[in-house]
C-alpha atoms as a PDB file:
ATOM      1  CA  MET A   1     -54.025  -4.254-115.781  1.00  0.00           C
ATOM      2  CA  ALA A   2     -50.471  -3.311-115.888  1.00  0.00           C
ATOM      3  CA  LEU A   3     -49.102  -3.272-119.504  1.00  0.00           C
ATOM      4  CA  ALA A   4     -45.464  -3.539-120.516  1.00  0.00           C
ATOM      5  CA  PRO A   5     -43.868  -2.633-123.741  1.00  0.00           C
ATOM      6  CA  ASN A   6     -43.059  -5.735-125.585  1.00  0.00           C
ATOM      7  CA  LYS A   7     -39.444  -4.857-126.583  1.00  0.00           C
ATOM      8  CA  GLU A   8     -38.322  -8.381-127.316  1.00  0.00           C
ATOM      9  CA  ASN A   9     -41.276  -9.410-129.420  1.00  0.00           C
ATOM     10  CA  ILE A  10     -42.273 -12.113-126.948  1.00  0.00           C
ATOM     11  CA  ASN A  11     -44.401 -14.573-129.085  1.00  0.00           C
ATOM     12  CA  ASN A  12     -47.184 -15.551-126.563  1.00  0.00           C
ATOM     13  CA  TYR A  13     -50.702 -14.830-127.508  1.00  0.00           C
ATOM     14  CA  LYS A  14     -51.904 -14.531-124.079  1.00  0.00           C
ATOM     15  CA  LEU A  15     -49.699 -11.536-123.564  1.00  0.00           C
ATOM     16  CA  ASN A  16     -49.731  -9.584-126.915  1.00  0.00           C
ATOM     17  CA  ASN A  17     -51.842  -7.320-128.986  1.00  0.00           C
ATOM     18  CA  LEU A  18     -53.120  -5.121-126.301  1.00  0.00           C
ATOM     19  CA  ALA A  19     -53.771  -1.415-126.518  1.00  0.00           C
ATOM     20  CA  ILE A  20     -55.391   1.293-124.572  1.00  0.00           C
ATOM     21  CA  LYS A  21     -58.123   3.547-126.093  1.00  0.00           C
ATOM     22  CA  ASN A  22     -59.713   6.048-123.745  1.00  0.00           C
ATOM     23  CA  ASN A  23     -58.056   4.460-120.781  1.00  0.00           C
ATOM     24  CA  VAL A  24     -60.054   1.216-121.774  1.00  0.00           C
ATOM     25  CA  LEU A  25     -58.181  -2.053-122.696  1.00  0.00           C
ATOM     26  CA  CYS A  26     -58.648  -3.397-126.245  1.00  0.00           C
ATOM     27  CA  TYR A  27     -57.034  -5.792-128.785  1.00  0.00           C
ATOM     28  CA  LYS A  28     -54.955  -4.289-131.541  1.00  0.00           C
ATOM     29  CA  LYS A  29     -53.060  -6.205-134.182  1.00  0.00           C
ATOM     30  CA  PHE A  30     -49.291  -5.747-134.046  1.00  0.00           C
ATOM     31  CA  SER A  31     -49.565  -3.814-130.847  1.00  0.00           C
ATOM     32  CA  LYS A  32     -46.264  -3.333-129.002  1.00  0.00           C
ATOM     33  CA  LEU A  33     -48.051  -3.571-125.600  1.00  0.00           C
ATOM     34  CA  MET A  34     -48.422  -6.808-123.666  1.00  0.00           C
ATOM     35  CA  ASN A  35     -49.877  -8.012-120.263  1.00  0.00           C
ATOM     36  CA  GLY A  36     -47.517  -7.079-117.437  1.00  0.00           C
ATOM     37  CA  GLY A  37     -48.991  -9.652-115.210  1.00  0.00           C
ATOM     38  CA  VAL A  38     -50.267  -7.354-112.324  1.00  0.00           C
ATOM     39  CA  TYR A  39     -53.892  -6.816-111.773  1.00  0.00           C
ATOM     40  CA  PHE A  40     -56.248  -4.796-109.523  1.00  0.00           C
ATOM     41  CA  PHE A  41     -59.716  -5.999-109.616  1.00  0.00           C
ATOM     42  CA  LYS A  42     -62.997  -5.138-107.966  1.00  0.00           C
ATOM     43  CA  LYS A  43     -64.769  -8.045-106.151  1.00  0.00           C
ATOM     44  CA  ARG A  44     -67.334  -8.353-108.941  1.00  0.00           C
ATOM     45  CA  ILE A  45     -64.652 -10.112-111.039  1.00  0.00           C
ATOM     46  CA  LEU A  46     -65.248 -13.286-109.074  1.00  0.00           C
ATOM     47  CA  ASN A  47     -68.747 -13.495-110.409  1.00  0.00           C
ATOM     48  CA  LEU A  48     -67.280 -14.015-113.914  1.00  0.00           C
ATOM     49  CA  ILE A  49     -64.962 -16.995-112.854  1.00  0.00           C
ATOM     50  CA  PRO A  50     -66.545 -20.317-113.207  1.00  0.00           C
ATOM     51  CA  LYS A  51     -66.353 -22.979-110.591  1.00  0.00           C
ATOM     52  CA  LYS A  52     -63.952 -25.140-112.604  1.00  0.00           C
ATOM     53  CA  PRO A  53     -60.346 -24.900-113.712  1.00  0.00           C
ATOM     54  CA  CYS A  54     -59.749 -21.889-115.887  1.00  0.00           C
ATOM     55  CA  SER A  55     -57.196 -19.404-117.013  1.00  0.00           C
ATOM     56  CA  LEU A  56     -57.499 -15.619-116.480  1.00  0.00           C
ATOM     57  CA  GLU A  57     -55.631 -15.025-119.741  1.00  0.00           C
ATOM     58  CA  GLU A  58     -57.366 -17.406-121.808  1.00  0.00           C
ATOM     59  CA  ASP A  59     -60.875 -17.651-120.426  1.00  0.00           C
ATOM     60  CA  ILE A  60     -61.710 -14.499-118.357  1.00  0.00           C
ATOM     61  CA  PHE A  61     -59.719 -11.602-119.817  1.00  0.00           C
ATOM     62  CA  PRO A  62     -60.929 -11.906-123.649  1.00  0.00           C
ATOM     63  CA  ASN A  63     -64.637 -11.656-122.614  1.00  0.00           C
ATOM     64  CA  ILE A  64     -64.209  -8.700-120.125  1.00  0.00           C
ATOM     65  CA  ILE A  65     -61.960  -6.927-122.752  1.00  0.00           C
ATOM     66  CA  LYS A  66     -64.600  -7.287-125.407  1.00  0.00           C
ATOM     67  CA  LYS A  67     -67.009  -5.901-123.105  1.00  0.00           C
ATOM     68  CA  LYS A  68     -64.823  -3.022-122.390  1.00  0.00           C
ATOM     69  CA  MET A  69     -64.697  -3.728-118.717  1.00  0.00           C
ATOM     70  CA  LEU A  70     -60.941  -3.674-118.173  1.00  0.00           C
ATOM     71  CA  THR A  71     -58.730  -0.586-117.838  1.00  0.00           C
ATOM     72  CA  GLY A  72     -55.041  -0.532-118.345  1.00  0.00           C
ATOM     73  CA  LYS A  73     -51.839   1.500-117.363  1.00  0.00           C
ATOM     74  CA  ILE A  74     -48.672   1.452-119.211  1.00  0.00           C
ATOM     75  CA  TYR A  75     -45.273   0.766-117.118  1.00  0.00           C
ATOM     76  CA  LYS A  76     -41.984   1.174-118.782  1.00  0.00           C
ATOM     77  CA  ASN A  77     -40.140  -0.506-115.801  1.00  0.00           C
ATOM     78  CA  PHE A  78     -38.140  -3.664-115.934  1.00  0.00           C
ATOM     79  CA  PHE A  79     -40.267  -6.611-117.046  1.00  0.00           C
ATOM     80  CA  LEU A  80     -39.354 -10.221-117.191  1.00  0.00           C
ATOM     81  CA  ASP A  81     -41.555 -13.008-118.637  1.00  0.00           C
ATOM     82  CA  ILE A  82     -40.887 -16.386-116.993  1.00  0.00           C
ATOM     83  CA  GLY A  83     -43.929 -18.176-118.427  1.00  0.00           C
ATOM     84  CA  THR A  84     -42.101 -20.295-120.926  1.00  0.00           C
ATOM     85  CA  PRO A  85     -39.040 -22.587-120.466  1.00  0.00           C
ATOM     86  CA  LYS A  86     -36.986 -20.436-122.831  1.00  0.00           C
ATOM     87  CA  TYR A  87     -37.487 -17.171-120.668  1.00  0.00           C
ATOM     88  CA  PHE A  88     -37.354 -19.063-117.489  1.00  0.00           C
ATOM     89  CA  ASN A  89     -33.839 -20.265-118.302  1.00  0.00           C
ATOM     90  CA  ILE A  90     -32.452 -16.820-119.022  1.00  0.00           C
ATOM     91  CA  SER A  91     -34.178 -15.140-116.218  1.00  0.00           C
ATOM     92  CA  ALA A  92     -31.136 -15.509-113.668  1.00  0.00           C
ATOM     93  CA  LYS A  93     -28.791 -13.660-115.911  1.00  0.00           C
ATOM     94  CA  LYS A  94     -31.443 -10.983-116.571  1.00  0.00           C
ATOM     95  CA  LEU A  95     -32.248 -10.570-112.896  1.00  0.00           C
ATOM     96  CA  THR A  96     -28.588 -10.488-111.925  1.00  0.00           C
ATOM     97  CA  ASN A  97     -27.966  -7.723-114.674  1.00  0.00           C
ATOM     98  CA  TYR A  98     -30.868  -5.740-113.377  1.00  0.00           C
ATOM     99  CA  PHE A  99     -30.010  -5.908-109.786  1.00  0.00           C
ATOM    100  CA  SER A 100     -26.399  -5.352-110.154  1.00  0.00           C
ATOM    101  CA  ARG A 101     -25.406  -1.797-109.117  1.00  0.00           C
ATOM    102  CA  PRO A 102     -22.380   0.106-107.884  1.00  0.00           C
ATOM    103  CA  ALA A 103     -22.123   0.783-104.215  1.00  0.00           C
ATOM    104  CA  ALA A 104     -20.822   3.459-101.848  1.00  0.00           C
ATOM    105  CA  PHE A 105     -19.490   1.888 -98.799  1.00  0.00           C
ATOM    106  CA  LEU A 106     -19.426   4.654 -95.999  1.00  0.00           C
ATOM    107  CA  ASP A 107     -17.995   4.926 -92.669  1.00  0.00           C
ATOM    108  CA  ARG A 108     -20.351   6.609 -90.279  1.00  0.00           C
ATOM    109  CA  ASP A 109     -18.576   8.940 -87.739  1.00  0.00           C
ATOM    110  CA  GLY A 110     -16.464  11.313 -89.596  1.00  0.00           C
ATOM    111  CA  VAL A 111     -18.069  10.578 -92.874  1.00  0.00           C
ATOM    112  CA  ILE A 112     -21.802  10.891 -92.475  1.00  0.00           C
ATOM    113  CA  ASN A 113     -21.662  12.874 -89.212  1.00  0.00           C
ATOM    114  CA  HIS A 114     -19.198  14.951 -87.267  1.00  0.00           C
ATOM    115  CA  ASP A 115     -17.085  12.564 -85.170  1.00  0.00           C
ATOM    116  CA  SER A 116     -17.328  14.017 -81.510  1.00  0.00           C
ATOM    117  CA  GLY A 117     -16.386  10.801 -79.931  1.00  0.00           C
ATOM    118  CA  TYR A 118     -18.760   7.811 -79.356  1.00  0.00           C
ATOM    119  CA  VAL A 119     -22.008   9.418 -80.846  1.00  0.00           C
ATOM    120  CA  PHE A 120     -24.877   7.442 -79.783  1.00  0.00           C
ATOM    121  CA  LYS A 121     -27.468  10.199 -78.797  1.00  0.00           C
ATOM    122  CA  LYS A 122     -29.459  11.951 -81.622  1.00  0.00           C
ATOM    123  CA  LYS A 123     -28.678  15.216 -80.020  1.00  0.00           C
ATOM    124  CA  ASP A 124     -24.996  14.730 -80.727  1.00  0.00           C
ATOM    125  CA  PHE A 125     -25.442  13.561 -84.170  1.00  0.00           C
ATOM    126  CA  LYS A 126     -24.694  16.368 -86.552  1.00  0.00           C
ATOM    127  CA  PHE A 127     -24.543  15.831 -90.337  1.00  0.00           C
ATOM    128  CA  ARG A 128     -21.429  16.970 -92.051  1.00  0.00           C
ATOM    129  CA  LYS A 129     -21.505  19.466 -94.969  1.00  0.00           C
ATOM    130  CA  GLY A 130     -23.060  18.170 -98.080  1.00  0.00           C
ATOM    131  CA  VAL A 131     -24.127  14.845 -96.780  1.00  0.00           C
ATOM    132  CA  ILE A 132     -27.892  15.002 -97.532  1.00  0.00           C
ATOM    133  CA  LYS A 133     -27.286  16.401-101.118  1.00  0.00           C
ATOM    134  CA  GLY A 134     -24.579  13.840-101.551  1.00  0.00           C
ATOM    135  CA  LEU A 135     -26.708  10.909-100.505  1.00  0.00           C
ATOM    136  CA  LYS A 136     -29.507  12.154-102.743  1.00  0.00           C
ATOM    137  CA  TYR A 137     -27.072  12.339-105.695  1.00  0.00           C
ATOM    138  CA  LEU A 138     -25.931   8.687-105.085  1.00  0.00           C
ATOM    139  CA  ILE A 139     -29.558   7.581-105.192  1.00  0.00           C
ATOM    140  CA  GLN A 140     -30.057   9.446-108.312  1.00  0.00           C
ATOM    141  CA  LYS A 141     -27.255   7.656-109.803  1.00  0.00           C
ATOM    142  CA  LYS A 142     -28.667   4.296-108.731  1.00  0.00           C
ATOM    143  CA  TYR A 143     -25.882   3.401-106.100  1.00  0.00           C
ATOM    144  CA  TYR A 144     -26.507   1.129-103.261  1.00  0.00           C
ATOM    145  CA  ILE A 145     -25.560   3.059-100.016  1.00  0.00           C
ATOM    146  CA  PHE A 146     -24.025   0.825 -97.280  1.00  0.00           C
ATOM    147  CA  ILE A 147     -22.686   1.946 -93.874  1.00  0.00           C
ATOM    148  CA  VAL A 148     -19.947  -0.052 -92.412  1.00  0.00           C
ATOM    149  CA  THR A 149     -18.930   1.307 -88.864  1.00  0.00           C
ATOM    150  CA  ASN A 150     -16.790   0.260 -85.955  1.00  0.00           C
ATOM    151  CA  GLN A 151     -18.757   0.781 -82.728  1.00  0.00           C
ATOM    152  CA  ALA A 152     -16.359   0.083 -79.987  1.00  0.00           C
ATOM    153  CA  GLY A 153     -18.286   2.093 -77.526  1.00  0.00           C
ATOM    154  CA  ILE A 154     -20.598  -0.904 -77.195  1.00  0.00           C
ATOM    155  CA  ALA A 155     -17.738  -3.153 -76.105  1.00  0.00           C
ATOM    156  CA  LYS A 156     -16.473  -0.482 -73.795  1.00  0.00           C
ATOM    157  CA  GLY A 157     -19.819  -0.052 -72.054  1.00  0.00           C
ATOM    158  CA  ILE A 158     -20.366   3.521 -73.060  1.00  0.00           C
ATOM    159  CA  TYR A 159     -23.669   2.652 -74.820  1.00  0.00           C
ATOM    160  CA  ASN A 160     -25.333  -0.549 -75.767  1.00  0.00           C
ATOM    161  CA  GLU A 161     -26.751  -2.131 -78.988  1.00  0.00           C
ATOM    162  CA  ASN A 162     -30.220  -0.784 -78.159  1.00  0.00           C
ATOM    163  CA  ASP A 163     -28.839   2.755 -77.978  1.00  0.00           C
ATOM    164  CA  PHE A 164     -27.126   2.186 -81.379  1.00  0.00           C
ATOM    165  CA  ASN A 165     -30.349   0.805 -82.932  1.00  0.00           C
ATOM    166  CA  LYS A 166     -32.446   3.573 -81.568  1.00  0.00           C
ATOM    167  CA  LEU A 167     -30.128   6.275 -83.111  1.00  0.00           C
ATOM    168  CA  HIS A 168     -30.226   4.421 -86.475  1.00  0.00           C
ATOM    169  CA  LEU A 169     -34.311   4.184 -86.287  1.00  0.00           C
ATOM    170  CA  TYR A 170     -34.203   7.923 -85.896  1.00  0.00           C
ATOM    171  CA  LEU A 171     -31.778   8.357 -88.839  1.00  0.00           C
ATOM    172  CA  LYS A 172     -34.008   5.987 -90.930  1.00  0.00           C
ATOM    173  CA  ASN A 173     -37.091   8.107 -90.162  1.00  0.00           C
ATOM    174  CA  TYR A 174     -35.279  11.394 -90.750  1.00  0.00           C
ATOM    175  CA  LEU A 175     -33.668  10.501 -94.064  1.00  0.00           C
ATOM    176  CA  SER A 176     -36.761   8.705 -95.320  1.00  0.00           C
ATOM    177  CA  ASN A 177     -38.457  12.062 -95.276  1.00  0.00           C
ATOM    178  CA  ASN A 178     -35.820  13.222 -97.668  1.00  0.00           C
ATOM    179  CA  ASP A 179     -36.174  10.176 -99.827  1.00  0.00           C
ATOM    180  CA  ILE A 180     -32.895   8.754 -98.623  1.00  0.00           C
ATOM    181  CA  TYR A 181     -32.392   5.056 -97.579  1.00  0.00           C
ATOM    182  CA  PHE A 182     -29.564   3.076 -96.415  1.00  0.00           C
ATOM    183  CA  ASN A 183     -29.620  -0.317 -98.208  1.00  0.00           C
ATOM    184  CA  ASP A 184     -27.770  -1.971 -95.316  1.00  0.00           C
ATOM    185  CA  VAL A 185     -25.923  -0.984 -91.938  1.00  0.00           C
ATOM    186  CA  GLN A 186     -23.288  -3.177 -90.710  1.00  0.00           C
ATOM    187  CA  TYR A 187     -21.496  -2.416 -87.366  1.00  0.00           C
ATOM    188  CA  CYS A 188     -18.932  -4.015 -85.247  1.00  0.00           C
ATOM    189  CA  PRO A 189     -19.593  -4.003 -81.522  1.00  0.00           C
ATOM    190  CA  TYR A 190     -16.361  -5.948 -80.664  1.00  0.00           C
ATOM    191  CA  HIS A 191     -13.095  -4.622 -79.251  1.00  0.00           C
ATOM    192  CA  PRO A 192     -10.243  -6.649 -77.947  1.00  0.00           C
ATOM    193  CA  LYS A 193      -9.936  -4.377 -74.774  1.00  0.00           C
ATOM    194  CA  GLY A 194     -13.620  -4.171 -74.217  1.00  0.00           C
ATOM    195  CA  LYS A 195     -15.232  -3.847 -70.725  1.00  0.00           C
ATOM    196  CA  ILE A 196     -18.221  -6.018 -71.727  1.00  0.00           C
ATOM    197  CA  LYS A 197     -17.134  -9.624 -71.700  1.00  0.00           C
ATOM    198  CA  ILE A 198     -19.290 -10.898 -74.604  1.00  0.00           C
ATOM    199  CA  PHE A 199     -17.995  -8.135 -76.831  1.00  0.00           C
ATOM    200  CA  ARG A 200     -14.311  -8.428 -75.619  1.00  0.00           C
ATOM    201  CA  LYS A 201     -12.638 -10.176 -78.561  1.00  0.00           C
ATOM    202  CA  LYS A 202     -10.742  -9.645 -81.877  1.00  0.00           C
ATOM    203  CA  SER A 203     -12.979  -9.789 -84.808  1.00  0.00           C
ATOM    204  CA  PHE A 204     -12.684  -9.635 -88.590  1.00  0.00           C
ATOM    205  CA  LEU A 205     -15.779  -7.440 -88.549  1.00  0.00           C
ATOM    206  CA  ARG A 206     -13.786  -4.656 -86.949  1.00  0.00           C
ATOM    207  CA  LYS A 207     -12.023  -2.579 -89.534  1.00  0.00           C
ATOM    208  CA  PRO A 208      -9.349  -2.831 -90.897  1.00  0.00           C
ATOM    209  CA  GLY A 209     -10.886  -6.288 -91.106  1.00  0.00           C
ATOM    210  CA  ASN A 210     -13.279  -6.483 -94.041  1.00  0.00           C
ATOM    211  CA  GLN A 211     -15.899  -9.060 -92.828  1.00  0.00           C
ATOM    212  CA  MET A 212     -18.580  -6.294 -92.704  1.00  0.00           C
ATOM    213  CA  VAL A 213     -18.013  -5.630 -96.423  1.00  0.00           C
ATOM    214  CA  ILE A 214     -17.900  -9.364 -97.284  1.00  0.00           C
ATOM    215  CA  ASN A 215     -21.261  -9.788 -95.501  1.00  0.00           C
ATOM    216  CA  ILE A 216     -22.657  -7.132 -97.858  1.00  0.00           C
ATOM    217  CA  PHE A 217     -21.101  -8.858-100.932  1.00  0.00           C
ATOM    218  CA  LYS A 218     -22.957 -11.966 -99.918  1.00  0.00           C
ATOM    219  CA  LYS A 219     -26.221 -10.462 -99.730  1.00  0.00           C
ATOM    220  CA  TRP A 220     -26.268  -7.887-102.658  1.00  0.00           C
ATOM    221  CA  ILE A 221     -25.491  -7.995-106.237  1.00  0.00           C
ATOM    222  CA  ILE A 222     -22.675  -5.259-106.618  1.00  0.00           C
ATOM    223  CA  ASN A 223     -20.714  -4.021-109.406  1.00  0.00           C
ATOM    224  CA  LYS A 224     -17.349  -3.721-107.614  1.00  0.00           C
ATOM    225  CA  ARG A 225     -15.488  -1.949-110.388  1.00  0.00           C
ATOM    226  CA  LYS A 226     -17.568   1.076-109.803  1.00  0.00           C
ATOM    227  CA  SER A 227     -17.920   0.902-106.214  1.00  0.00           C
ATOM    228  CA  PHE A 228     -15.896   2.758-103.723  1.00  0.00           C
ATOM    229  CA  MET A 229     -15.356   3.391 -99.990  1.00  0.00           C
ATOM    230  CA  ILE A 230     -15.075   6.600 -97.957  1.00  0.00           C
ATOM    231  CA  GLY A 231     -13.579   6.665 -94.508  1.00  0.00           C
ATOM    232  CA  ASP A 232     -11.684   9.005 -92.231  1.00  0.00           C
ATOM    233  CA  LYS A 233      -9.053   6.453 -90.786  1.00  0.00           C
ATOM    234  CA  VAL A 234      -6.279   4.247 -92.044  1.00  0.00           C
ATOM    235  CA  SER A 235      -8.250   1.381 -90.913  1.00  0.00           C
ATOM    236  CA  ASP A 236     -10.986   2.199 -93.281  1.00  0.00           C
ATOM    237  CA  LYS A 237      -8.419   2.442 -96.013  1.00  0.00           C
ATOM    238  CA  ASN A 238      -6.991  -0.950 -95.157  1.00  0.00           C
ATOM    239  CA  CYS A 239     -10.461  -2.633 -95.152  1.00  0.00           C
ATOM    240  CA  ALA A 240     -11.075  -1.140 -98.585  1.00  0.00           C
ATOM    241  CA  LYS A 241      -7.791  -2.348 -99.875  1.00  0.00           C
ATOM    242  CA  LYS A 242      -8.654  -5.895 -98.473  1.00  0.00           C
ATOM    243  CA  SER A 243     -12.024  -5.686-100.331  1.00  0.00           C
ATOM    244  CA  ASP A 244     -10.539  -4.456-103.669  1.00  0.00           C
ATOM    245  CA  LEU A 245     -12.435  -1.222-103.362  1.00  0.00           C
ATOM    246  CA  PHE A 246     -11.406   2.263-104.507  1.00  0.00           C
ATOM    247  CA  PHE A 247     -10.754   4.254-101.203  1.00  0.00           C
ATOM    248  CA  SER A 248     -10.947   7.989-100.484  1.00  0.00           C
ATOM    249  CA  PHE A 249     -10.349   9.681 -97.189  1.00  0.00           C
ATOM    250  CA  SER A 250     -13.314  11.991 -96.115  1.00  0.00           C
ATOM    251  CA  GLU A 251     -13.142  15.561 -97.377  1.00  0.00           C
ATOM    252  CA  GLY A 252     -14.816  18.760 -96.276  1.00  0.00           C
ATOM    253  CA  ASP A 253     -17.796  18.843 -98.729  1.00  0.00           C
ATOM    254  CA  PHE A 254     -19.420  15.227 -98.988  1.00  0.00           C
ATOM    255  CA  TYR A 255     -21.444  16.143-102.080  1.00  0.00           C
ATOM    256  CA  LYS A 256     -18.462  17.616-104.051  1.00  0.00           C
ATOM    257  CA  GLN A 257     -16.358  14.484-103.089  1.00  0.00           C
ATOM    258  CA  ILE A 258     -19.018  12.218-104.288  1.00  0.00           C
ATOM    259  CA  LYS A 259     -19.434  13.969-107.535  1.00  0.00           C
ATOM    260  CA  ASN A 260     -15.571  13.962-108.025  1.00  0.00           C
ATOM    261  CA  ILE A 261     -15.441  10.226-107.317  1.00  0.00           C
ATOM    262  CA  LEU A 262     -18.362   9.343-109.631  1.00  0.00           C
ATOM    263  CA  LYS A 263     -16.717  11.413-112.578  1.00  0.00           C
ATOM    264  CA  LYS A 264     -13.610   9.164-112.253  1.00  0.00           C
ATOM    265  CA  ASN A 265     -15.864   6.061-112.297  1.00  0.00           C
END
């Protein structure tokens, strides 16, 4: 059983008064540990459950705890009880506060990698100085990381969406080995002078439009006040301005730039 600290003194006898002694779960009066609601059982637990309506917390757990058959592990992560009308009603606010984080909105070419012109092959993708260290630092500081990138090469027929996705699958696998993950990648394949008909149009997705950022705002709970964007073009700056985000042009060392931005925030 996962146990959680009862920081709010939740008054529910099904959850309270639990303790661990020699790794085995037991009851203890005035204990500050409670049932976290996550269990891992061996199949033989099924033999203890009668063939009639019953409750794990009320009918099953008390007996197996008394028989010292249940072990426990303490977790200090976020815990939310929605088992009573009171706590269910305040859950929306608690969840919003928990998942709300600042975000780094990053252009790709010229920020994450060197922009050698229409980069779509992994052999041409070269990380800029300090990028790996800077991305790790953002994750350490609990920032969401979003990529927002114009990909006019798709509209111009230089490469296609499959090429773009193959490169980002490679990046995903490479970065995951360094415990780095992008929370979302938004790209614009459109250009008003594109050669490919379906992508030949004006679009608010394309920076300086900010539809890519708006799409992310709709999907994620973001603390805009502490969020920022880094790009290498004026169109990136204008996109950030429309989105009410602090903007910084890409500098020589990505890690140092990130540290300086976060100091200001």
